[in-house]
Amino acid sequence: MTIKKHNKRKAQLTKYLTQLDEFNWHHPTQVSEMADSQYERDNRTYYLAQISLILFNNYQQSYMQIAQMLNMSSRTARRLTIDYEQDFDSLEEIMEELQNGEDW
């Protein structure tokens, strides 16, 4: 993989992770009330798992590389790829789903 493609993918992942936190920025007063919400934690975990699965299956990234890109432990990255099935074919599909905001 070229450096240009690697940097482009890293920028794209950063954009997707920012999108995951969009709700927090648009509804700051509700975030503290929902901090312990199991639904919100499950929703975030689901999308992190989907991103992890795409990186693992489509881009052949290791657990260590996934963990570094998504700012989590390699153990968590491994667990997410084992515990969840891949529902999306690309990072773009995840972005579209998050932009639709149906889950928020």
PDB file of N, CA and C in Angstrom:
ATOM      1  N   MET A   1       0.853  -1.177   0.000  1.00  0.00           N
ATOM      2  CA  MET A   1       0.000   0.000   0.000  1.00  0.00           C
ATOM      3  C   MET A   1       0.892   1.231   0.000  1.00  0.00           C
ATOM      4  N   THR A   2       0.553   2.152  -0.855  1.00  0.00           N
ATOM      5  CA  THR A   2       1.354   3.367  -0.959  1.00  0.00           C
ATOM      6  C   THR A   2       1.055   4.299   0.213  1.00  0.00           C
ATOM      7  N   ILE A   3       1.971   5.196   0.414  1.00  0.00           N
ATOM      8  CA  ILE A   3       1.806   6.162   1.509  1.00  0.00           C
ATOM      9  C   ILE A   3       0.592   7.047   1.254  1.00  0.00           C
ATOM     10  N   LYS A   4       0.398   7.416  -0.007  1.00  0.00           N
ATOM     11  CA  LYS A   4      -0.739   8.277  -0.352  1.00  0.00           C
ATOM     12  C   LYS A   4      -2.060   7.590  -0.025  1.00  0.00           C
ATOM     13  N   LYS A   5      -2.185   6.302  -0.373  1.00  0.00           N
ATOM     14  CA  LYS A   5      -3.416   5.553  -0.078  1.00  0.00           C
ATOM     15  C   LYS A   5      -3.589   5.380   1.422  1.00  0.00           C
ATOM     16  N   HIS A   6      -2.481   5.125   2.114  1.00  0.00           N
ATOM     17  CA  HIS A   6      -2.541   4.952   3.571  1.00  0.00           C
ATOM     18  C   HIS A   6      -3.018   6.242   4.241  1.00  0.00           C
ATOM     19  N   ASN A   7      -2.473   7.378   3.819  1.00  0.00           N
ATOM     20  CA  ASN A   7      -2.879   8.659   4.402  1.00  0.00           C
ATOM     21  C   ASN A   7      -4.329   8.980   4.073  1.00  0.00           C
ATOM     22  N   LYS A   8      -4.748   8.651   2.857  1.00  0.00           N
ATOM     23  CA  LYS A   8      -6.130   8.888   2.467  1.00  0.00           C
ATOM     24  C   LYS A   8      -7.085   8.038   3.315  1.00  0.00           C
ATOM     25  N   ARG A   9      -6.734   6.768   3.516  1.00  0.00           N
ATOM     26  CA  ARG A   9      -7.579   5.890   4.323  1.00  0.00           C
ATOM     27  C   ARG A   9      -7.605   6.343   5.779  1.00  0.00           C
ATOM     28  N   LYS A  10      -6.474   6.776   6.293  1.00  0.00           N
ATOM     29  CA  LYS A  10      -6.426   7.262   7.676  1.00  0.00           C
ATOM     30  C   LYS A  10      -7.306   8.496   7.842  1.00  0.00           C
ATOM     31  N   ALA A  11      -7.264   9.402   6.857  1.00  0.00           N
ATOM     32  CA  ALA A  11      -8.111  10.598   6.913  1.00  0.00           C
ATOM     33  C   ALA A  11      -9.585  10.207   6.833  1.00  0.00           C
ATOM     34  N   GLN A  12      -9.889   9.227   6.005  1.00  0.00           N
ATOM     35  CA  GLN A  12     -11.270   8.765   5.869  1.00  0.00           C
ATOM     36  C   GLN A  12     -11.761   8.138   7.171  1.00  0.00           C
ATOM     37  N   LEU A  13     -10.930   7.344   7.819  1.00  0.00           N
ATOM     38  CA  LEU A  13     -11.306   6.734   9.095  1.00  0.00           C
ATOM     39  C   LEU A  13     -11.528   7.791  10.172  1.00  0.00           C
ATOM     40  N   THR A  14     -10.683   8.791  10.184  1.00  0.00           N
ATOM     41  CA  THR A  14     -10.855   9.877  11.146  1.00  0.00           C
ATOM     42  C   THR A  14     -12.191  10.559  10.932  1.00  0.00           C
ATOM     43  N   LYS A  15     -12.553  10.750   9.674  1.00  0.00           N
ATOM     44  CA  LYS A  15     -13.832  11.358   9.336  1.00  0.00           C
ATOM     45  C   LYS A  15     -14.994  10.495   9.829  1.00  0.00           C
ATOM     46  N   TYR A  16     -14.886   9.181   9.638  1.00  0.00           N
ATOM     47  CA  TYR A  16     -15.949   8.276  10.080  1.00  0.00           C
ATOM     48  C   TYR A  16     -16.083   8.255  11.602  1.00  0.00           C
ATOM     49  N   LEU A  17     -14.964   8.259  12.292  1.00  0.00           N
ATOM     50  CA  LEU A  17     -15.017   8.276  13.759  1.00  0.00           C
ATOM     51  C   LEU A  17     -15.614   9.589  14.263  1.00  0.00           C
ATOM     52  N   THR A  18     -15.329  10.668  13.587  1.00  0.00           N
ATOM     53  CA  THR A  18     -15.924  11.949  13.947  1.00  0.00           C
ATOM     54  C   THR A  18     -17.431  11.888  13.760  1.00  0.00           C
ATOM     55  N   GLN A  19     -17.853  11.227  12.688  1.00  0.00           N
ATOM     56  CA  GLN A  19     -19.279  11.074  12.421  1.00  0.00           C
ATOM     57  C   GLN A  19     -19.949  10.274  13.544  1.00  0.00           C
ATOM     58  N   LEU A  20     -19.244   9.273  14.067  1.00  0.00           N
ATOM     59  CA  LEU A  20     -19.800   8.491  15.176  1.00  0.00           C
ATOM     60  C   LEU A  20     -20.068   9.370  16.397  1.00  0.00           C
ATOM     61  N   ASP A  21     -19.239  10.386  16.584  1.00  0.00           N
ATOM     62  CA  ASP A  21     -19.395  11.274  17.732  1.00  0.00           C
ATOM     63  C   ASP A  21     -20.249  12.495  17.428  1.00  0.00           C
ATOM     64  N   GLU A  22     -20.843  12.541  16.240  1.00  0.00           N
ATOM     65  CA  GLU A  22     -21.623  13.709  15.844  1.00  0.00           C
ATOM     66  C   GLU A  22     -22.766  13.988  16.809  1.00  0.00           C
ATOM     67  N   PHE A  23     -23.425  12.952  17.279  1.00  0.00           N
ATOM     68  CA  PHE A  23     -24.535  13.141  18.191  1.00  0.00           C
ATOM     69  C   PHE A  23     -24.079  13.900  19.431  1.00  0.00           C
ATOM     70  N   ASN A  24     -22.912  13.576  19.933  1.00  0.00           N
ATOM     71  CA  ASN A  24     -22.389  14.240  21.126  1.00  0.00           C
ATOM     72  C   ASN A  24     -22.236  15.738  20.921  1.00  0.00           C
ATOM     73  N   TRP A  25     -21.847  16.142  19.717  1.00  0.00           N
ATOM     74  CA  TRP A  25     -21.639  17.560  19.438  1.00  0.00           C
ATOM     75  C   TRP A  25     -22.944  18.294  19.204  1.00  0.00           C
ATOM     76  N   HIS A  26     -23.914  17.626  18.598  1.00  0.00           N
ATOM     77  CA  HIS A  26     -25.170  18.287  18.292  1.00  0.00           C
ATOM     78  C   HIS A  26     -26.144  18.329  19.475  1.00  0.00           C
ATOM     79  N   HIS A  27     -25.929  17.464  20.440  1.00  0.00           N
ATOM     80  CA  HIS A  27     -26.827  17.393  21.591  1.00  0.00           C
ATOM     81  C   HIS A  27     -26.022  17.338  22.894  1.00  0.00           C
ATOM     82  N   PRO A  28     -25.230  18.370  23.178  1.00  0.00           N
ATOM     83  CA  PRO A  28     -24.346  18.308  24.350  1.00  0.00           C
ATOM     84  C   PRO A  28     -25.077  18.190  25.681  1.00  0.00           C
ATOM     85  N   THR A  29     -26.278  18.728  25.792  1.00  0.00           N
ATOM     86  CA  THR A  29     -26.984  18.645  27.071  1.00  0.00           C
ATOM     87  C   THR A  29     -27.515  17.245  27.327  1.00  0.00           C
ATOM     88  N   GLN A  30     -27.802  16.519  26.259  1.00  0.00           N
ATOM     89  CA  GLN A  30     -28.327  15.165  26.418  1.00  0.00           C
ATOM     90  C   GLN A  30     -27.230  14.132  26.621  1.00  0.00           C
ATOM     91  N   VAL A  31     -26.012  14.449  26.199  1.00  0.00           N
ATOM     92  CA  VAL A  31     -24.938  13.469  26.260  1.00  0.00           C
ATOM     93  C   VAL A  31     -24.664  13.031  27.680  1.00  0.00           C
ATOM     94  N   SER A  32     -24.607  13.972  28.607  1.00  0.00           N
ATOM     95  CA  SER A  32     -24.327  13.598  29.985  1.00  0.00           C
ATOM     96  C   SER A  32     -25.448  12.746  30.561  1.00  0.00           C
ATOM     97  N   GLU A  33     -26.684  13.015  30.151  1.00  0.00           N
ATOM     98  CA  GLU A  33     -27.811  12.213  30.628  1.00  0.00           C
ATOM     99  C   GLU A  33     -27.790  10.814  30.023  1.00  0.00           C
ATOM    100  N   MET A  34     -27.263  10.715  28.808  1.00  0.00           N
ATOM    101  CA  MET A  34     -27.276   9.435  28.110  1.00  0.00           C
ATOM    102  C   MET A  34     -25.962   8.684  28.244  1.00  0.00           C
ATOM    103  N   ALA A  35     -25.036   9.200  29.012  1.00  0.00           N
ATOM    104  CA  ALA A  35     -23.712   8.596  29.106  1.00  0.00           C
ATOM    105  C   ALA A  35     -23.772   7.136  29.535  1.00  0.00           C
ATOM    106  N   ASP A  36     -24.712   6.810  30.363  1.00  0.00           N
ATOM    107  CA  ASP A  36     -24.821   5.442  30.841  1.00  0.00           C
ATOM    108  C   ASP A  36     -25.829   4.630  30.042  1.00  0.00           C
ATOM    109  N   SER A  37     -26.332   5.190  28.992  1.00  0.00           N
ATOM    110  CA  SER A  37     -27.335   4.520  28.178  1.00  0.00           C
ATOM    111  C   SER A  37     -26.734   3.299  27.482  1.00  0.00           C
ATOM    112  N   GLN A  38     -27.280   2.141  27.760  1.00  0.00           N
ATOM    113  CA  GLN A  38     -26.807   0.908  27.147  1.00  0.00           C
ATOM    114  C   GLN A  38     -26.994   0.951  25.628  1.00  0.00           C
ATOM    115  N   TYR A  39     -28.088   1.549  25.194  1.00  0.00           N
ATOM    116  CA  TYR A  39     -28.354   1.643  23.754  1.00  0.00           C
ATOM    117  C   TYR A  39     -27.253   2.415  23.037  1.00  0.00           C
ATOM    118  N   GLU A  40     -26.835   3.542  23.595  1.00  0.00           N
ATOM    119  CA  GLU A  40     -25.789   4.352  22.978  1.00  0.00           C
ATOM    120  C   GLU A  40     -24.464   3.609  22.945  1.00  0.00           C
ATOM    121  N   ARG A  41     -24.135   2.928  24.030  1.00  0.00           N
ATOM    122  CA  ARG A  41     -22.895   2.153  24.053  1.00  0.00           C
ATOM    123  C   ARG A  41     -22.946   1.027  23.030  1.00  0.00           C
ATOM    124  N   ASP A  42     -24.076   0.340  22.952  1.00  0.00           N
ATOM    125  CA  ASP A  42     -24.222  -0.752  21.982  1.00  0.00           C
ATOM    126  C   ASP A  42     -24.139  -0.242  20.556  1.00  0.00           C
ATOM    127  N   ASN A  43     -24.742   0.903  20.302  1.00  0.00           N
ATOM    128  CA  ASN A  43     -24.730   1.489  18.966  1.00  0.00           C
ATOM    129  C   ASN A  43     -23.306   1.857  18.551  1.00  0.00           C
ATOM    130  N   ARG A  44     -22.583   2.491  19.431  1.00  0.00           N
ATOM    131  CA  ARG A  44     -21.198   2.865  19.138  1.00  0.00           C
ATOM    132  C   ARG A  44     -20.340   1.622  18.938  1.00  0.00           C
ATOM    133  N   THR A  45     -20.504   0.625  19.784  1.00  0.00           N
ATOM    134  CA  THR A  45     -19.748  -0.609  19.665  1.00  0.00           C
ATOM    135  C   THR A  45     -20.043  -1.306  18.341  1.00  0.00           C
ATOM    136  N   TYR A  46     -21.302  -1.309  17.938  1.00  0.00           N
ATOM    137  CA  TYR A  46     -21.690  -1.930  16.674  1.00  0.00           C
ATOM    138  C   TYR A  46     -20.947  -1.294  15.497  1.00  0.00           C
ATOM    139  N   TYR A  47     -20.935   0.033  15.437  1.00  0.00           N
ATOM    140  CA  TYR A  47     -20.277   0.699  14.315  1.00  0.00           C
ATOM    141  C   TYR A  47     -18.759   0.555  14.375  1.00  0.00           C
ATOM    142  N   LEU A  48     -18.191   0.557  15.563  1.00  0.00           N
ATOM    143  CA  LEU A  48     -16.755   0.290  15.669  1.00  0.00           C
ATOM    144  C   LEU A  48     -16.445  -1.130  15.204  1.00  0.00           C
ATOM    145  N   ALA A  49     -17.318  -2.072  15.514  1.00  0.00           N
ATOM    146  CA  ALA A  49     -17.138  -3.448  15.059  1.00  0.00           C
ATOM    147  C   ALA A  49     -17.226  -3.522  13.539  1.00  0.00           C
ATOM    148  N   GLN A  50     -18.172  -2.810  12.954  1.00  0.00           N
ATOM    149  CA  GLN A  50     -18.321  -2.824  11.501  1.00  0.00           C
ATOM    150  C   GLN A  50     -17.084  -2.235  10.816  1.00  0.00           C
ATOM    151  N   ILE A  51     -16.566  -1.135  11.351  1.00  0.00           N
ATOM    152  CA  ILE A  51     -15.351  -0.547  10.793  1.00  0.00           C
ATOM    153  C   ILE A  51     -14.184  -1.514  10.955  1.00  0.00           C
ATOM    154  N   SER A  52     -14.082  -2.142  12.120  1.00  0.00           N
ATOM    155  CA  SER A  52     -13.018  -3.112  12.362  1.00  0.00           C
ATOM    156  C   SER A  52     -13.095  -4.283  11.387  1.00  0.00           C
ATOM    157  N   LEU A  53     -14.294  -4.786  11.165  1.00  0.00           N
ATOM    158  CA  LEU A  53     -14.470  -5.909  10.249  1.00  0.00           C
ATOM    159  C   LEU A  53     -14.083  -5.544   8.821  1.00  0.00           C
ATOM    160  N   ILE A  54     -14.440  -4.353   8.389  1.00  0.00           N
ATOM    161  CA  ILE A  54     -14.070  -3.927   7.035  1.00  0.00           C
ATOM    162  C   ILE A  54     -12.555  -3.779   6.928  1.00  0.00           C
ATOM    163  N   LEU A  55     -11.935  -3.197   7.926  1.00  0.00           N
ATOM    164  CA  LEU A  55     -10.477  -3.069   7.902  1.00  0.00           C
ATOM    165  C   LEU A  55      -9.803  -4.438   7.909  1.00  0.00           C
ATOM    166  N   PHE A  56     -10.350  -5.361   8.667  1.00  0.00           N
ATOM    167  CA  PHE A  56      -9.765  -6.697   8.786  1.00  0.00           C
ATOM    168  C   PHE A  56      -9.995  -7.515   7.517  1.00  0.00           C
ATOM    169  N   ASN A  57     -11.233  -7.558   7.033  1.00  0.00           N
ATOM    170  CA  ASN A  57     -11.574  -8.411   5.893  1.00  0.00           C
ATOM    171  C   ASN A  57     -11.255  -7.782   4.543  1.00  0.00           C
ATOM    172  N   ASN A  58     -11.534  -6.507   4.378  1.00  0.00           N
ATOM    173  CA  ASN A  58     -11.361  -5.868   3.071  1.00  0.00           C
ATOM    174  C   ASN A  58      -9.949  -5.327   2.854  1.00  0.00           C
ATOM    175  N   TYR A  59      -9.318  -4.854   3.925  1.00  0.00           N
ATOM    176  CA  TYR A  59      -8.006  -4.226   3.788  1.00  0.00           C
ATOM    177  C   TYR A  59      -6.882  -5.039   4.437  1.00  0.00           C
ATOM    178  N   GLN A  60      -7.192  -6.216   4.956  1.00  0.00           N
ATOM    179  CA  GLN A  60      -6.211  -7.128   5.560  1.00  0.00           C
ATOM    180  C   GLN A  60      -5.328  -6.450   6.606  1.00  0.00           C
ATOM    181  N   GLN A  61      -5.949  -5.643   7.449  1.00  0.00           N
ATOM    182  CA  GLN A  61      -5.234  -4.979   8.528  1.00  0.00           C
ATOM    183  C   GLN A  61      -5.165  -5.917   9.739  1.00  0.00           C
ATOM    184  N   SER A  62      -4.079  -5.850  10.458  1.00  0.00           N
ATOM    185  CA  SER A  62      -3.934  -6.670  11.660  1.00  0.00           C
ATOM    186  C   SER A  62      -4.721  -6.053  12.810  1.00  0.00           C
ATOM    187  N   TYR A  63      -4.879  -6.835  13.872  1.00  0.00           N
ATOM    188  CA  TYR A  63      -5.574  -6.314  15.049  1.00  0.00           C
ATOM    189  C   TYR A  63      -4.835  -5.118  15.629  1.00  0.00           C
ATOM    190  N   MET A  64      -3.510  -5.170  15.594  1.00  0.00           N
ATOM    191  CA  MET A  64      -2.712  -4.052  16.110  1.00  0.00           C
ATOM    192  C   MET A  64      -2.938  -2.798  15.274  1.00  0.00           C
ATOM    193  N   GLN A  65      -2.979  -2.949  13.958  1.00  0.00           N
ATOM    194  CA  GLN A  65      -3.188  -1.798  13.084  1.00  0.00           C
ATOM    195  C   GLN A  65      -4.587  -1.225  13.276  1.00  0.00           C
ATOM    196  N   ILE A  66      -5.579  -2.102  13.389  1.00  0.00           N
ATOM    197  CA  ILE A  66      -6.959  -1.654  13.624  1.00  0.00           C
ATOM    198  C   ILE A  66      -7.037  -0.906  14.943  1.00  0.00           C
ATOM    199  N   ALA A  67      -6.429  -1.478  15.965  1.00  0.00           N
ATOM    200  CA  ALA A  67      -6.450  -0.854  17.290  1.00  0.00           C
ATOM    201  C   ALA A  67      -5.822   0.536  17.256  1.00  0.00           C
ATOM    202  N   GLN A  68      -4.723   0.663  16.533  1.00  0.00           N
ATOM    203  CA  GLN A  68      -4.060   1.960  16.444  1.00  0.00           C
ATOM    204  C   GLN A  68      -4.926   2.968  15.697  1.00  0.00           C
ATOM    205  N   MET A  69      -5.551   2.555  14.602  1.00  0.00           N
ATOM    206  CA  MET A  69      -6.374   3.476  13.815  1.00  0.00           C
ATOM    207  C   MET A  69      -7.625   3.911  14.567  1.00  0.00           C
ATOM    208  N   LEU A  70      -8.210   2.997  15.346  1.00  0.00           N
ATOM    209  CA  LEU A  70      -9.467   3.287  16.019  1.00  0.00           C
ATOM    210  C   LEU A  70      -9.286   3.642  17.494  1.00  0.00           C
ATOM    211  N   ASN A  71      -8.037   3.741  17.928  1.00  0.00           N
ATOM    212  CA  ASN A  71      -7.720   4.151  19.294  1.00  0.00           C
ATOM    213  C   ASN A  71      -8.358   3.231  20.329  1.00  0.00           C
ATOM    214  N   MET A  72      -8.048   1.948  20.206  1.00  0.00           N
ATOM    215  CA  MET A  72      -8.511   0.951  21.164  1.00  0.00           C
ATOM    216  C   MET A  72      -7.415  -0.096  21.329  1.00  0.00           C
ATOM    217  N   SER A  73      -7.628  -1.032  22.221  1.00  0.00           N
ATOM    218  CA  SER A  73      -6.636  -2.086  22.410  1.00  0.00           C
ATOM    219  C   SER A  73      -6.779  -3.135  21.308  1.00  0.00           C
ATOM    220  N   SER A  74      -5.700  -3.845  21.045  1.00  0.00           N
ATOM    221  CA  SER A  74      -5.756  -4.901  20.025  1.00  0.00           C
ATOM    222  C   SER A  74      -6.686  -6.028  20.475  1.00  0.00           C
ATOM    223  N   ARG A  75      -6.789  -6.227  21.767  1.00  0.00           N
ATOM    224  CA  ARG A  75      -7.712  -7.242  22.305  1.00  0.00           C
ATOM    225  C   ARG A  75      -9.164  -6.866  21.978  1.00  0.00           C
ATOM    226  N   THR A  76      -9.499  -5.585  22.126  1.00  0.00           N
ATOM    227  CA  THR A  76     -10.848  -5.113  21.790  1.00  0.00           C
ATOM    228  C   THR A  76     -11.104  -5.251  20.298  1.00  0.00           C
ATOM    229  N   ALA A  77     -10.126  -4.898  19.480  1.00  0.00           N
ATOM    230  CA  ALA A  77     -10.273  -5.028  18.026  1.00  0.00           C
ATOM    231  C   ALA A  77     -10.522  -6.490  17.649  1.00  0.00           C
ATOM    232  N   ARG A  78      -9.795  -7.392  18.254  1.00  0.00           N
ATOM    233  CA  ARG A  78      -9.978  -8.821  17.977  1.00  0.00           C
ATOM    234  C   ARG A  78     -11.371  -9.279  18.407  1.00  0.00           C
ATOM    235  N   ARG A  79     -11.781  -8.861  19.597  1.00  0.00           N
ATOM    236  CA  ARG A  79     -13.094  -9.259  20.106  1.00  0.00           C
ATOM    237  C   ARG A  79     -14.218  -8.753  19.207  1.00  0.00           C
ATOM    238  N   LEU A  80     -14.100  -7.520  18.736  1.00  0.00           N
ATOM    239  CA  LEU A  80     -15.129  -6.962  17.866  1.00  0.00           C
ATOM    240  C   LEU A  80     -15.240  -7.735  16.556  1.00  0.00           C
ATOM    241  N   THR A  81     -14.106  -8.155  16.001  1.00  0.00           N
ATOM    242  CA  THR A  81     -14.156  -8.901  14.738  1.00  0.00           C
ATOM    243  C   THR A  81     -14.686 -10.313  14.928  1.00  0.00           C
ATOM    244  N   ILE A  82     -14.602 -10.834  16.123  1.00  0.00           N
ATOM    245  CA  ILE A  82     -15.110 -12.181  16.399  1.00  0.00           C
ATOM    246  C   ILE A  82     -16.584 -12.148  16.795  1.00  0.00           C
ATOM    247  N   ASP A  83     -16.969 -11.171  17.595  1.00  0.00           N
ATOM    248  CA  ASP A  83     -18.322 -11.115  18.148  1.00  0.00           C
ATOM    249  C   ASP A  83     -19.390 -10.635  17.175  1.00  0.00           C
ATOM    250  N   TYR A  84     -19.009  -9.923  16.133  1.00  0.00           N
ATOM    251  CA  TYR A  84     -19.973  -9.340  15.209  1.00  0.00           C
ATOM    252  C   TYR A  84     -19.795  -9.898  13.803  1.00  0.00           C
ATOM    253  N   GLU A  85     -20.883  -9.898  13.045  1.00  0.00           N
ATOM    254  CA  GLU A  85     -20.829 -10.248  11.632  1.00  0.00           C
ATOM    255  C   GLU A  85     -20.781  -8.962  10.825  1.00  0.00           C
ATOM    256  N   GLN A  86     -20.126  -9.019   9.672  1.00  0.00           N
ATOM    257  CA  GLN A  86     -19.997  -7.840   8.822  1.00  0.00           C
ATOM    258  C   GLN A  86     -21.303  -7.586   8.078  1.00  0.00           C
ATOM    259  N   ASP A  87     -21.904  -6.434   8.336  1.00  0.00           N
ATOM    260  CA  ASP A  87     -23.172  -6.048   7.707  1.00  0.00           C
ATOM    261  C   ASP A  87     -22.987  -5.069   6.553  1.00  0.00           C
ATOM    262  N   PHE A  88     -21.805  -4.477   6.433  1.00  0.00           N
ATOM    263  CA  PHE A  88     -21.532  -3.485   5.398  1.00  0.00           C
ATOM    264  C   PHE A  88     -20.389  -3.983   4.527  1.00  0.00           C
ATOM    265  N   ASP A  89     -20.410  -3.583   3.253  1.00  0.00           N
ATOM    266  CA  ASP A  89     -19.367  -3.997   2.318  1.00  0.00           C
ATOM    267  C   ASP A  89     -18.222  -2.998   2.211  1.00  0.00           C
ATOM    268  N   SER A  90     -18.468  -1.765   2.643  1.00  0.00           N
ATOM    269  CA  SER A  90     -17.427  -0.745   2.515  1.00  0.00           C
ATOM    270  C   SER A  90     -17.588   0.314   3.601  1.00  0.00           C
ATOM    271  N   LEU A  91     -16.534   1.085   3.768  1.00  0.00           N
ATOM    272  CA  LEU A  91     -16.580   2.192   4.723  1.00  0.00           C
ATOM    273  C   LEU A  91     -17.584   3.248   4.267  1.00  0.00           C
ATOM    274  N   GLU A  92     -17.747   3.379   2.963  1.00  0.00           N
ATOM    275  CA  GLU A  92     -18.696   4.354   2.423  1.00  0.00           C
ATOM    276  C   GLU A  92     -20.132   4.013   2.837  1.00  0.00           C
ATOM    277  N   GLU A  93     -20.459   2.722   2.874  1.00  0.00           N
ATOM    278  CA  GLU A  93     -21.806   2.314   3.291  1.00  0.00           C
ATOM    279  C   GLU A  93     -22.068   2.678   4.752  1.00  0.00           C
ATOM    280  N   ILE A  94     -21.052   2.530   5.582  1.00  0.00           N
ATOM    281  CA  ILE A  94     -21.189   2.914   6.995  1.00  0.00           C
ATOM    282  C   ILE A  94     -21.414   4.423   7.085  1.00  0.00           C
ATOM    283  N   MET A  95     -20.656   5.169   6.307  1.00  0.00           N
ATOM    284  CA  MET A  95     -20.802   6.623   6.311  1.00  0.00           C
ATOM    285  C   MET A  95     -22.205   7.035   5.894  1.00  0.00           C
ATOM    286  N   GLU A  96     -22.741   6.408   4.866  1.00  0.00           N
ATOM    287  CA  GLU A  96     -24.100   6.714   4.424  1.00  0.00           C
ATOM    288  C   GLU A  96     -25.109   6.420   5.530  1.00  0.00           C
ATOM    289  N   GLU A  97     -24.946   5.304   6.197  1.00  0.00           N
ATOM    290  CA  GLU A  97     -25.855   4.928   7.283  1.00  0.00           C
ATOM    291  C   GLU A  97     -25.790   5.950   8.416  1.00  0.00           C
ATOM    292  N   LEU A  98     -24.583   6.378   8.747  1.00  0.00           N
ATOM    293  CA  LEU A  98     -24.429   7.360   9.821  1.00  0.00           C
ATOM    294  C   LEU A  98     -24.969   8.725   9.415  1.00  0.00           C
ATOM    295  N   GLN A  99     -24.822   9.078   8.156  1.00  0.00           N
ATOM    296  CA  GLN A  99     -25.339  10.373   7.692  1.00  0.00           C
ATOM    297  C   GLN A  99     -26.855  10.386   7.679  1.00  0.00           C
ATOM    298  N   ASN A 100     -27.461   9.227   7.441  1.00  0.00           N
ATOM    299  CA  ASN A 100     -28.926   9.155   7.470  1.00  0.00           C
ATOM    300  C   ASN A 100     -29.440   9.398   8.879  1.00  0.00           C
ATOM    301  N   GLY A 101     -28.639   9.079   9.870  1.00  0.00           N
ATOM    302  CA  GLY A 101     -28.988   9.365  11.249  1.00  0.00           C
ATOM    303  C   GLY A 101     -30.145   8.579  11.811  1.00  0.00           C
ATOM    304  N   GLU A 102     -30.522   7.481  11.162  1.00  0.00           N
ATOM    305  CA  GLU A 102     -31.677   6.719  11.606  1.00  0.00           C
ATOM    306  C   GLU A 102     -31.465   6.112  12.991  1.00  0.00           C
ATOM    307  N   ASP A 103     -30.223   5.790  13.307  1.00  0.00           N
ATOM    308  CA  ASP A 103     -29.946   5.158  14.584  1.00  0.00           C
ATOM    309  C   ASP A 103     -29.790   6.158  15.718  1.00  0.00           C
ATOM    310  N   TRP A 104     -29.769   7.441  15.402  1.00  0.00           N
ATOM    311  CA  TRP A 104     -29.584   8.442  16.446  1.00  0.00           C
ATOM    312  C   TRP A 104     -30.921   8.952  16.862  1.00  0.00           C
TER     313      TRP A 104
END
